[in-house]
């Protein structure tokens, strides 16, 4: 019986084909993972990724690569972008949102901080606020917990239980609500993939949508944070109606007509203008 050769002996063409499958399946691959999986050097791993970039299959990000986004009109099922892929997109708008959202927090408050790259910007802005003390932050995002670590002991950081989703470095069911079921926070900052006047706040991934919905019930006030690209969009997993949220924090490029529709649906809009000054409209 013929056996397949060890991975370290695979020709470059076959190795890159397998890397392509990993990209499609996981949404992100790291150079270090490829070194271990195929028994190759870091130089070779980066060369493989660069070759896939040249073929239009991959896009390089820090530490590895992500798949190139699908073209408009592609009939394949909607693909959830990886954390690293999202991190590389809309950097400035997310910074604007992060600062605006962090301005809503006062010393002594408890905050639920959802997983995601927009909420990661909120975490960074919170850490940068040296005036904040005695803040309790509860999160299901491992990247967010690590981002908050330098603020300890000014902040108390609590990580929920649950199963780890590598694509977003998030904790979901089972056990995701082991902490959420026992707390009632002052504020919850919820990320999403869509904010729509009819369909409410939605997310691509169902397990994460369920955790986000649980967060709504564990806070006195819920704030949805979403950059302009997510406004007017609707996806599979429903987090909650617009009525479940007090405020939308978005960036300066958001479409005025879309914002007007969301405002008519009852959302308060918090948005920095082009000079990064905050505009709050009920």
C-alpha atoms as a PDB file:
ATOM      1  CA  UNK A   1       0.000   0.000   0.000  1.00  0.00           C
ATOM      2  CA  UNK A   2       1.406   3.358  -1.038  1.00  0.00           C
ATOM      3  CA  UNK A   3       1.690   5.972   1.698  1.00  0.00           C
ATOM      4  CA  UNK A   4       1.750   9.745   1.259  1.00  0.00           C
ATOM      5  CA  UNK A   5       5.110  11.443   1.774  1.00  0.00           C
ATOM      6  CA  UNK A   6       5.845  13.323   5.015  1.00  0.00           C
ATOM      7  CA  UNK A   7       4.623  16.878   4.909  1.00  0.00           C
ATOM      8  CA  UNK A   8       8.111  18.301   4.994  1.00  0.00           C
ATOM      9  CA  UNK A   9       8.808  16.533   1.709  1.00  0.00           C
ATOM     10  CA  UNK A  10       5.747  17.849  -0.090  1.00  0.00           C
ATOM     11  CA  UNK A  11       6.495  19.751  -3.290  1.00  0.00           C
ATOM     12  CA  UNK A  12       5.772  23.471  -3.071  1.00  0.00           C
ATOM     13  CA  UNK A  13       2.754  23.138  -5.377  1.00  0.00           C
ATOM     14  CA  UNK A  14       1.038  20.570  -3.130  1.00  0.00           C
ATOM     15  CA  UNK A  15       2.023  22.367   0.060  1.00  0.00           C
ATOM     16  CA  UNK A  16       0.531  25.635  -1.196  1.00  0.00           C
ATOM     17  CA  UNK A  17      -2.623  23.825  -2.220  1.00  0.00           C
ATOM     18  CA  UNK A  18      -3.013  22.579   1.367  1.00  0.00           C
ATOM     19  CA  UNK A  19      -2.292  26.041   2.745  1.00  0.00           C
ATOM     20  CA  UNK A  20      -5.034  27.386   0.494  1.00  0.00           C
ATOM     21  CA  UNK A  21      -7.482  24.862   1.987  1.00  0.00           C
ATOM     22  CA  UNK A  22      -6.460  25.935   5.495  1.00  0.00           C
ATOM     23  CA  UNK A  23      -7.106  29.560   4.574  1.00  0.00           C
ATOM     24  CA  UNK A  24     -10.573  28.763   3.260  1.00  0.00           C
ATOM     25  CA  UNK A  25     -11.434  26.633   6.293  1.00  0.00           C
ATOM     26  CA  UNK A  26     -10.026  28.809   9.089  1.00  0.00           C
ATOM     27  CA  UNK A  27      -9.940  32.331   7.640  1.00  0.00           C
ATOM     28  CA  UNK A  28      -6.380  32.947   8.884  1.00  0.00           C
ATOM     29  CA  UNK A  29      -3.065  31.082   8.974  1.00  0.00           C
ATOM     30  CA  UNK A  30       0.062  32.010  10.900  1.00  0.00           C
ATOM     31  CA  UNK A  31       3.623  31.640   9.645  1.00  0.00           C
ATOM     32  CA  UNK A  32       4.525  29.761  12.831  1.00  0.00           C
ATOM     33  CA  UNK A  33       1.712  27.259  12.301  1.00  0.00           C
ATOM     34  CA  UNK A  34       2.869  26.525   8.763  1.00  0.00           C
ATOM     35  CA  UNK A  35       6.427  25.943   9.978  1.00  0.00           C
ATOM     36  CA  UNK A  36       5.212  23.309  12.428  1.00  0.00           C
ATOM     37  CA  UNK A  37       2.632  21.710  10.154  1.00  0.00           C
ATOM     38  CA  UNK A  38       4.881  21.285   7.121  1.00  0.00           C
ATOM     39  CA  UNK A  39       8.343  21.135   8.689  1.00  0.00           C
ATOM     40  CA  UNK A  40       9.532  24.175   6.745  1.00  0.00           C
ATOM     41  CA  UNK A  41      11.460  27.306   7.639  1.00  0.00           C
ATOM     42  CA  UNK A  42       9.850  30.678   8.288  1.00  0.00           C
ATOM     43  CA  UNK A  43      11.378  31.957   5.050  1.00  0.00           C
ATOM     44  CA  UNK A  44       9.735  29.143   3.084  1.00  0.00           C
ATOM     45  CA  UNK A  45       6.395  29.651   4.848  1.00  0.00           C
ATOM     46  CA  UNK A  46       6.411  33.355   4.002  1.00  0.00           C
ATOM     47  CA  UNK A  47       7.379  32.548   0.414  1.00  0.00           C
ATOM     48  CA  UNK A  48       4.402  30.175   0.167  1.00  0.00           C
ATOM     49  CA  UNK A  49       2.069  32.881   1.442  1.00  0.00           C
ATOM     50  CA  UNK A  50       3.570  35.440  -0.922  1.00  0.00           C
ATOM     51  CA  UNK A  51       2.975  33.014  -3.799  1.00  0.00           C
ATOM     52  CA  UNK A  52      -0.711  32.746  -2.827  1.00  0.00           C
ATOM     53  CA  UNK A  53      -0.871  36.532  -2.630  1.00  0.00           C
ATOM     54  CA  UNK A  54       0.535  36.669  -6.172  1.00  0.00           C
ATOM     55  CA  UNK A  55      -2.234  34.323  -7.311  1.00  0.00           C
ATOM     56  CA  UNK A  56      -4.864  36.596  -5.787  1.00  0.00           C
ATOM     57  CA  UNK A  57      -5.847  33.967  -3.214  1.00  0.00           C
ATOM     58  CA  UNK A  58      -4.439  35.470  -0.013  1.00  0.00           C
ATOM     59  CA  UNK A  59      -3.769  38.822   1.589  1.00  0.00           C
ATOM     60  CA  UNK A  60      -0.862  39.274   3.990  1.00  0.00           C
ATOM     61  CA  UNK A  61      -1.553  40.531   7.514  1.00  0.00           C
ATOM     62  CA  UNK A  62       0.721  40.752  10.546  1.00  0.00           C
ATOM     63  CA  UNK A  63       1.992  37.276  11.390  1.00  0.00           C
ATOM     64  CA  UNK A  64       0.349  35.426   8.514  1.00  0.00           C
ATOM     65  CA  UNK A  65      -2.333  35.739   5.848  1.00  0.00           C
ATOM     66  CA  UNK A  66      -6.095  35.836   5.312  1.00  0.00           C
ATOM     67  CA  UNK A  67      -8.159  34.933   2.234  1.00  0.00           C
ATOM     68  CA  UNK A  68      -8.904  37.643  -0.287  1.00  0.00           C
ATOM     69  CA  UNK A  69     -12.466  38.896   0.139  1.00  0.00           C
ATOM     70  CA  UNK A  70     -15.049  37.488  -2.266  1.00  0.00           C
ATOM     71  CA  UNK A  71     -16.007  39.518  -5.290  1.00  0.00           C
ATOM     72  CA  UNK A  72     -19.434  41.162  -5.437  1.00  0.00           C
ATOM     73  CA  UNK A  73     -21.959  38.724  -6.851  1.00  0.00           C
ATOM     74  CA  UNK A  74     -20.159  35.604  -5.640  1.00  0.00           C
ATOM     75  CA  UNK A  75     -22.912  33.082  -4.924  1.00  0.00           C
ATOM     76  CA  UNK A  76     -20.988  31.138  -2.276  1.00  0.00           C
ATOM     77  CA  UNK A  77     -22.268  31.222   1.337  1.00  0.00           C
ATOM     78  CA  UNK A  78     -21.309  34.293   3.336  1.00  0.00           C
ATOM     79  CA  UNK A  79     -17.876  33.882   4.916  1.00  0.00           C
ATOM     80  CA  UNK A  80     -17.141  35.240   8.362  1.00  0.00           C
ATOM     81  CA  UNK A  81     -13.955  37.343   8.288  1.00  0.00           C
ATOM     82  CA  UNK A  82     -11.260  36.370  10.779  1.00  0.00           C
ATOM     83  CA  UNK A  83     -10.282  38.641  13.659  1.00  0.00           C
ATOM     84  CA  UNK A  84      -6.982  39.446  11.928  1.00  0.00           C
ATOM     85  CA  UNK A  85      -8.733  40.216   8.632  1.00  0.00           C
ATOM     86  CA  UNK A  86     -11.154  42.588  10.351  1.00  0.00           C
ATOM     87  CA  UNK A  87      -8.309  44.181  12.299  1.00  0.00           C
ATOM     88  CA  UNK A  88      -6.687  45.287   9.049  1.00  0.00           C
ATOM     89  CA  UNK A  89      -9.892  46.936   7.795  1.00  0.00           C
ATOM     90  CA  UNK A  90     -11.363  50.368   8.675  1.00  0.00           C
ATOM     91  CA  UNK A  91      -8.589  51.160  11.153  1.00  0.00           C
ATOM     92  CA  UNK A  92      -9.251  54.903  11.496  1.00  0.00           C
ATOM     93  CA  UNK A  93     -13.067  54.597  11.795  1.00  0.00           C
ATOM     94  CA  UNK A  94     -12.651  51.984  14.528  1.00  0.00           C
ATOM     95  CA  UNK A  95     -10.277  54.282  16.409  1.00  0.00           C
ATOM     96  CA  UNK A  96     -12.887  57.048  16.217  1.00  0.00           C
ATOM     97  CA  UNK A  97     -15.559  54.695  17.521  1.00  0.00           C
ATOM     98  CA  UNK A  98     -13.301  53.419  20.283  1.00  0.00           C
ATOM     99  CA  UNK A  99     -12.590  56.897  21.646  1.00  0.00           C
ATOM    100  CA  UNK A 100     -16.260  57.934  21.419  1.00  0.00           C
ATOM    101  CA  UNK A 101     -17.451  54.789  23.190  1.00  0.00           C
ATOM    102  CA  UNK A 102     -14.796  54.965  25.898  1.00  0.00           C
ATOM    103  CA  UNK A 103     -15.938  58.529  26.672  1.00  0.00           C
ATOM    104  CA  UNK A 104     -19.247  57.062  27.911  1.00  0.00           C
ATOM    105  CA  UNK A 105     -17.549  55.192  30.777  1.00  0.00           C
ATOM    106  CA  UNK A 106     -17.045  56.678  34.252  1.00  0.00           C
ATOM    107  CA  UNK A 107     -14.891  55.540  37.158  1.00  0.00           C
ATOM    108  CA  UNK A 108     -16.570  52.958  39.354  1.00  0.00           C
ATOM    109  CA  UNK A 109     -18.710  51.506  36.567  1.00  0.00           C
ATOM    110  CA  UNK A 110     -18.985  47.928  35.354  1.00  0.00           C
ATOM    111  CA  UNK A 111     -18.731  47.300  31.620  1.00  0.00           C
ATOM    112  CA  UNK A 112     -19.416  44.306  29.369  1.00  0.00           C
ATOM    113  CA  UNK A 113     -17.133  44.396  26.355  1.00  0.00           C
ATOM    114  CA  UNK A 114     -18.084  42.100  23.488  1.00  0.00           C
ATOM    115  CA  UNK A 115     -15.588  40.332  21.231  1.00  0.00           C
ATOM    116  CA  UNK A 116     -14.464  42.003  17.989  1.00  0.00           C
ATOM    117  CA  UNK A 117     -12.024  44.432  16.462  1.00  0.00           C
ATOM    118  CA  UNK A 118     -14.254  47.475  16.992  1.00  0.00           C
ATOM    119  CA  UNK A 119     -14.635  46.623  20.667  1.00  0.00           C
ATOM    120  CA  UNK A 120     -10.868  46.041  20.752  1.00  0.00           C
ATOM    121  CA  UNK A 121     -10.557  49.726  19.828  1.00  0.00           C
ATOM    122  CA  UNK A 122     -12.885  50.522  22.732  1.00  0.00           C
ATOM    123  CA  UNK A 123     -10.608  48.518  25.045  1.00  0.00           C
ATOM    124  CA  UNK A 124      -7.542  50.427  23.834  1.00  0.00           C
ATOM    125  CA  UNK A 125      -9.288  53.765  24.365  1.00  0.00           C
ATOM    126  CA  UNK A 126     -10.345  52.733  27.871  1.00  0.00           C
ATOM    127  CA  UNK A 127      -6.767  51.811  28.783  1.00  0.00           C
ATOM    128  CA  UNK A 128      -5.576  55.170  27.432  1.00  0.00           C
ATOM    129  CA  UNK A 129      -7.932  57.015  29.798  1.00  0.00           C
ATOM    130  CA  UNK A 130      -5.643  57.462  32.790  1.00  0.00           C
ATOM    131  CA  UNK A 131      -8.489  59.153  34.700  1.00  0.00           C
ATOM    132  CA  UNK A 132     -10.509  55.923  34.932  1.00  0.00           C
ATOM    133  CA  UNK A 133     -10.282  53.890  38.141  1.00  0.00           C
ATOM    134  CA  UNK A 134     -12.251  51.063  39.766  1.00  0.00           C
ATOM    135  CA  UNK A 135     -13.722  49.915  36.447  1.00  0.00           C
ATOM    136  CA  UNK A 136     -14.808  46.286  36.112  1.00  0.00           C
ATOM    137  CA  UNK A 137     -14.692  44.929  32.559  1.00  0.00           C
ATOM    138  CA  UNK A 138     -16.294  41.612  31.630  1.00  0.00           C
ATOM    139  CA  UNK A 139     -15.406  40.205  28.215  1.00  0.00           C
ATOM    140  CA  UNK A 140     -15.637  37.046  26.140  1.00  0.00           C
ATOM    141  CA  UNK A 141     -12.726  38.135  23.935  1.00  0.00           C
ATOM    142  CA  UNK A 142      -9.257  36.827  24.736  1.00  0.00           C
ATOM    143  CA  UNK A 143      -7.584  39.546  22.641  1.00  0.00           C
ATOM    144  CA  UNK A 144      -9.584  42.167  24.495  1.00  0.00           C
ATOM    145  CA  UNK A 145      -8.644  40.743  27.903  1.00  0.00           C
ATOM    146  CA  UNK A 146      -4.954  40.913  26.966  1.00  0.00           C
ATOM    147  CA  UNK A 147      -5.402  44.475  25.695  1.00  0.00           C
ATOM    148  CA  UNK A 148      -6.903  45.471  29.049  1.00  0.00           C
ATOM    149  CA  UNK A 149      -4.208  43.783  31.133  1.00  0.00           C
ATOM    150  CA  UNK A 150      -1.919  46.879  31.375  1.00  0.00           C
ATOM    151  CA  UNK A 151      -4.771  48.763  33.108  1.00  0.00           C
ATOM    152  CA  UNK A 152      -4.806  46.342  36.053  1.00  0.00           C
ATOM    153  CA  UNK A 153      -5.184  47.216  38.973  1.00  0.00           C
ATOM    154  CA  UNK A 154      -7.111  50.334  37.857  1.00  0.00           C
ATOM    155  CA  UNK A 155      -9.391  47.881  36.054  1.00  0.00           C
ATOM    156  CA  UNK A 156     -10.646  44.501  37.162  1.00  0.00           C
ATOM    157  CA  UNK A 157     -10.824  42.221  34.101  1.00  0.00           C
ATOM    158  CA  UNK A 158     -13.167  39.218  34.147  1.00  0.00           C
ATOM    159  CA  UNK A 159     -13.175  36.699  31.293  1.00  0.00           C
ATOM    160  CA  UNK A 160     -16.310  34.635  30.690  1.00  0.00           C
ATOM    161  CA  UNK A 161     -16.179  30.883  30.411  1.00  0.00           C
ATOM    162  CA  UNK A 162     -16.933  28.969  27.238  1.00  0.00           C
ATOM    163  CA  UNK A 163     -15.514  27.161  24.229  1.00  0.00           C
ATOM    164  CA  UNK A 164     -12.807  28.977  22.273  1.00  0.00           C
ATOM    165  CA  UNK A 165     -13.522  30.010  18.674  1.00  0.00           C
ATOM    166  CA  UNK A 166     -10.082  30.509  17.075  1.00  0.00           C
ATOM    167  CA  UNK A 167     -11.461  32.601  14.205  1.00  0.00           C
ATOM    168  CA  UNK A 168     -12.393  35.453  16.567  1.00  0.00           C
ATOM    169  CA  UNK A 169     -10.460  34.395  19.716  1.00  0.00           C
ATOM    170  CA  UNK A 170     -13.865  34.410  21.400  1.00  0.00           C
ATOM    171  CA  UNK A 171     -15.559  32.320  24.087  1.00  0.00           C
ATOM    172  CA  UNK A 172     -19.007  30.912  23.253  1.00  0.00           C
ATOM    173  CA  UNK A 173     -21.341  28.136  24.452  1.00  0.00           C
ATOM    174  CA  UNK A 174     -21.224  25.849  26.280  1.00  0.00           C
ATOM    175  CA  UNK A 175     -20.630  27.775  29.513  1.00  0.00           C
ATOM    176  CA  UNK A 176     -20.299  31.178  27.802  1.00  0.00           C
ATOM    177  CA  UNK A 177     -22.966  32.627  30.076  1.00  0.00           C
ATOM    178  CA  UNK A 178     -21.482  31.210  33.305  1.00  0.00           C
ATOM    179  CA  UNK A 179     -20.422  34.725  34.251  1.00  0.00           C
ATOM    180  CA  UNK A 180     -23.002  36.716  32.269  1.00  0.00           C
ATOM    181  CA  UNK A 181     -25.850  35.007  34.105  1.00  0.00           C
ATOM    182  CA  UNK A 182     -24.525  36.273  37.437  1.00  0.00           C
ATOM    183  CA  UNK A 183     -23.872  39.950  36.673  1.00  0.00           C
ATOM    184  CA  UNK A 184     -25.769  43.125  35.879  1.00  0.00           C
ATOM    185  CA  UNK A 185     -23.352  45.677  34.410  1.00  0.00           C
ATOM    186  CA  UNK A 186     -23.850  49.399  33.939  1.00  0.00           C
ATOM    187  CA  UNK A 187     -22.905  49.321  30.257  1.00  0.00           C
ATOM    188  CA  UNK A 188     -22.555  46.749  27.484  1.00  0.00           C
ATOM    189  CA  UNK A 189     -20.668  47.547  24.304  1.00  0.00           C
ATOM    190  CA  UNK A 190     -21.823  45.126  21.598  1.00  0.00           C
ATOM    191  CA  UNK A 191     -20.122  44.634  18.235  1.00  0.00           C
ATOM    192  CA  UNK A 192     -21.912  43.216  15.201  1.00  0.00           C
ATOM    193  CA  UNK A 193     -21.889  42.666  11.445  1.00  0.00           C
ATOM    194  CA  UNK A 194     -25.087  44.574  10.723  1.00  0.00           C
ATOM    195  CA  UNK A 195     -27.354  47.333  12.051  1.00  0.00           C
ATOM    196  CA  UNK A 196     -30.667  47.673  10.206  1.00  0.00           C
ATOM    197  CA  UNK A 197     -33.852  49.572  11.009  1.00  0.00           C
ATOM    198  CA  UNK A 198     -36.042  46.546  10.218  1.00  0.00           C
ATOM    199  CA  UNK A 199     -33.914  43.555  11.213  1.00  0.00           C
ATOM    200  CA  UNK A 200     -32.146  45.134  14.161  1.00  0.00           C
ATOM    201  CA  UNK A 201     -28.609  44.219  15.192  1.00  0.00           C
ATOM    202  CA  UNK A 202     -27.298  41.022  13.607  1.00  0.00           C
ATOM    203  CA  UNK A 203     -24.155  38.918  13.346  1.00  0.00           C
ATOM    204  CA  UNK A 204     -22.825  36.405  10.829  1.00  0.00           C
ATOM    205  CA  UNK A 205     -22.020  33.716  13.416  1.00  0.00           C
ATOM    206  CA  UNK A 206     -24.917  32.165  15.344  1.00  0.00           C
ATOM    207  CA  UNK A 207     -23.007  31.096  18.508  1.00  0.00           C
ATOM    208  CA  UNK A 208     -21.560  34.575  18.901  1.00  0.00           C
ATOM    209  CA  UNK A 209     -24.957  36.179  18.216  1.00  0.00           C
ATOM    210  CA  UNK A 210     -26.368  34.123  21.099  1.00  0.00           C
ATOM    211  CA  UNK A 211     -23.689  35.395  23.500  1.00  0.00           C
ATOM    212  CA  UNK A 212     -24.247  38.986  22.364  1.00  0.00           C
ATOM    213  CA  UNK A 213     -27.981  38.587  23.047  1.00  0.00           C
ATOM    214  CA  UNK A 214     -27.151  37.289  26.515  1.00  0.00           C
ATOM    215  CA  UNK A 215     -25.026  40.388  27.137  1.00  0.00           C
ATOM    216  CA  UNK A 216     -28.040  42.582  26.362  1.00  0.00           C
ATOM    217  CA  UNK A 217     -29.884  41.045  29.262  1.00  0.00           C
ATOM    218  CA  UNK A 218     -26.948  41.488  31.621  1.00  0.00           C
ATOM    219  CA  UNK A 219     -26.558  45.266  31.390  1.00  0.00           C
ATOM    220  CA  UNK A 220     -28.626  48.305  32.329  1.00  0.00           C
ATOM    221  CA  UNK A 221     -27.668  50.052  29.101  1.00  0.00           C
ATOM    222  CA  UNK A 222     -26.568  48.590  25.765  1.00  0.00           C
ATOM    223  CA  UNK A 223     -24.484  50.421  23.164  1.00  0.00           C
ATOM    224  CA  UNK A 224     -23.897  48.994  19.695  1.00  0.00           C
ATOM    225  CA  UNK A 225     -20.556  49.912  18.105  1.00  0.00           C
ATOM    226  CA  UNK A 226     -20.387  49.613  14.320  1.00  0.00           C
ATOM    227  CA  UNK A 227     -18.444  51.320  11.544  1.00  0.00           C
ATOM    228  CA  UNK A 228     -20.237  52.783   8.534  1.00  0.00           C
ATOM    229  CA  UNK A 229     -19.857  49.633   6.400  1.00  0.00           C
ATOM    230  CA  UNK A 230     -22.163  47.712   8.752  1.00  0.00           C
ATOM    231  CA  UNK A 231     -25.050  50.145   8.754  1.00  0.00           C
ATOM    232  CA  UNK A 232     -28.068  49.050   6.731  1.00  0.00           C
ATOM    233  CA  UNK A 233     -26.783  45.456   6.676  1.00  0.00           C
ATOM    234  CA  UNK A 234     -28.567  42.349   7.999  1.00  0.00           C
ATOM    235  CA  UNK A 235     -27.133  38.881   8.656  1.00  0.00           C
ATOM    236  CA  UNK A 236     -28.196  35.437   9.862  1.00  0.00           C
ATOM    237  CA  UNK A 237     -27.858  35.694  13.646  1.00  0.00           C
ATOM    238  CA  UNK A 238     -30.182  38.184  15.339  1.00  0.00           C
ATOM    239  CA  UNK A 239     -28.717  39.857  18.423  1.00  0.00           C
ATOM    240  CA  UNK A 240     -31.664  42.084  19.243  1.00  0.00           C
ATOM    241  CA  UNK A 241     -34.063  44.725  17.996  1.00  0.00           C
ATOM    242  CA  UNK A 242     -32.960  48.335  17.825  1.00  0.00           C
ATOM    243  CA  UNK A 243     -35.231  48.960  20.804  1.00  0.00           C
ATOM    244  CA  UNK A 244     -32.930  46.806  22.954  1.00  0.00           C
ATOM    245  CA  UNK A 245     -30.102  49.318  22.426  1.00  0.00           C
ATOM    246  CA  UNK A 246     -29.774  52.815  23.837  1.00  0.00           C
ATOM    247  CA  UNK A 247     -27.083  54.209  21.527  1.00  0.00           C
ATOM    248  CA  UNK A 248     -25.245  53.544  18.269  1.00  0.00           C
ATOM    249  CA  UNK A 249     -21.626  54.686  18.156  1.00  0.00           C
ATOM    250  CA  UNK A 250     -20.372  54.900  14.564  1.00  0.00           C
ATOM    251  CA  UNK A 251     -17.729  56.798  12.592  1.00  0.00           C
ATOM    252  CA  UNK A 252     -17.679  60.090  10.703  1.00  0.00           C
ATOM    253  CA  UNK A 253     -18.212  58.496   7.263  1.00  0.00           C
ATOM    254  CA  UNK A 254     -21.630  56.981   8.041  1.00  0.00           C
ATOM    255  CA  UNK A 255     -24.303  57.749   5.433  1.00  0.00           C
ATOM    256  CA  UNK A 256     -26.633  60.523   6.711  1.00  0.00           C
ATOM    257  CA  UNK A 257     -29.731  58.932   5.143  1.00  0.00           C
ATOM    258  CA  UNK A 258     -29.025  55.588   6.822  1.00  0.00           C
ATOM    259  CA  UNK A 259     -28.426  57.332  10.140  1.00  0.00           C
ATOM    260  CA  UNK A 260     -31.719  59.193   9.762  1.00  0.00           C
ATOM    261  CA  UNK A 261     -33.551  55.885   9.293  1.00  0.00           C
ATOM    262  CA  UNK A 262     -31.904  54.389  12.373  1.00  0.00           C
ATOM    263  CA  UNK A 263     -32.676  57.529  14.369  1.00  0.00           C
ATOM    264  CA  UNK A 264     -36.342  57.326  13.377  1.00  0.00           C
ATOM    265  CA  UNK A 265     -36.310  53.745  14.667  1.00  0.00           C
ATOM    266  CA  UNK A 266     -35.372  55.062  18.123  1.00  0.00           C
ATOM    267  CA  UNK A 267     -31.576  54.898  18.302  1.00  0.00           C
ATOM    268  CA  UNK A 268     -29.504  57.736  19.708  1.00  0.00           C
ATOM    269  CA  UNK A 269     -26.536  58.309  17.379  1.00  0.00           C
ATOM    270  CA  UNK A 270     -23.090  59.174  18.716  1.00  0.00           C
ATOM    271  CA  UNK A 271     -20.721  60.069  15.907  1.00  0.00           C
ATOM    272  CA  UNK A 272     -17.451  62.035  15.659  1.00  0.00           C
ATOM    273  CA  UNK A 273     -17.397  64.691  12.965  1.00  0.00           C
ATOM    274  CA  UNK A 274     -14.496  65.118  10.537  1.00  0.00           C
ATOM    275  CA  UNK A 275     -12.609  67.052  13.216  1.00  0.00           C
ATOM    276  CA  UNK A 276     -13.127  64.121  15.637  1.00  0.00           C
ATOM    277  CA  UNK A 277     -15.469  66.140  17.872  1.00  0.00           C
ATOM    278  CA  UNK A 278     -18.447  64.172  19.094  1.00  0.00           C
ATOM    279  CA  UNK A 279     -21.949  64.779  17.755  1.00  0.00           C
ATOM    280  CA  UNK A 280     -24.797  63.288  19.755  1.00  0.00           C
ATOM    281  CA  UNK A 281     -28.230  63.237  18.165  1.00  0.00           C
ATOM    282  CA  UNK A 282     -31.340  61.762  19.727  1.00  0.00           C
END
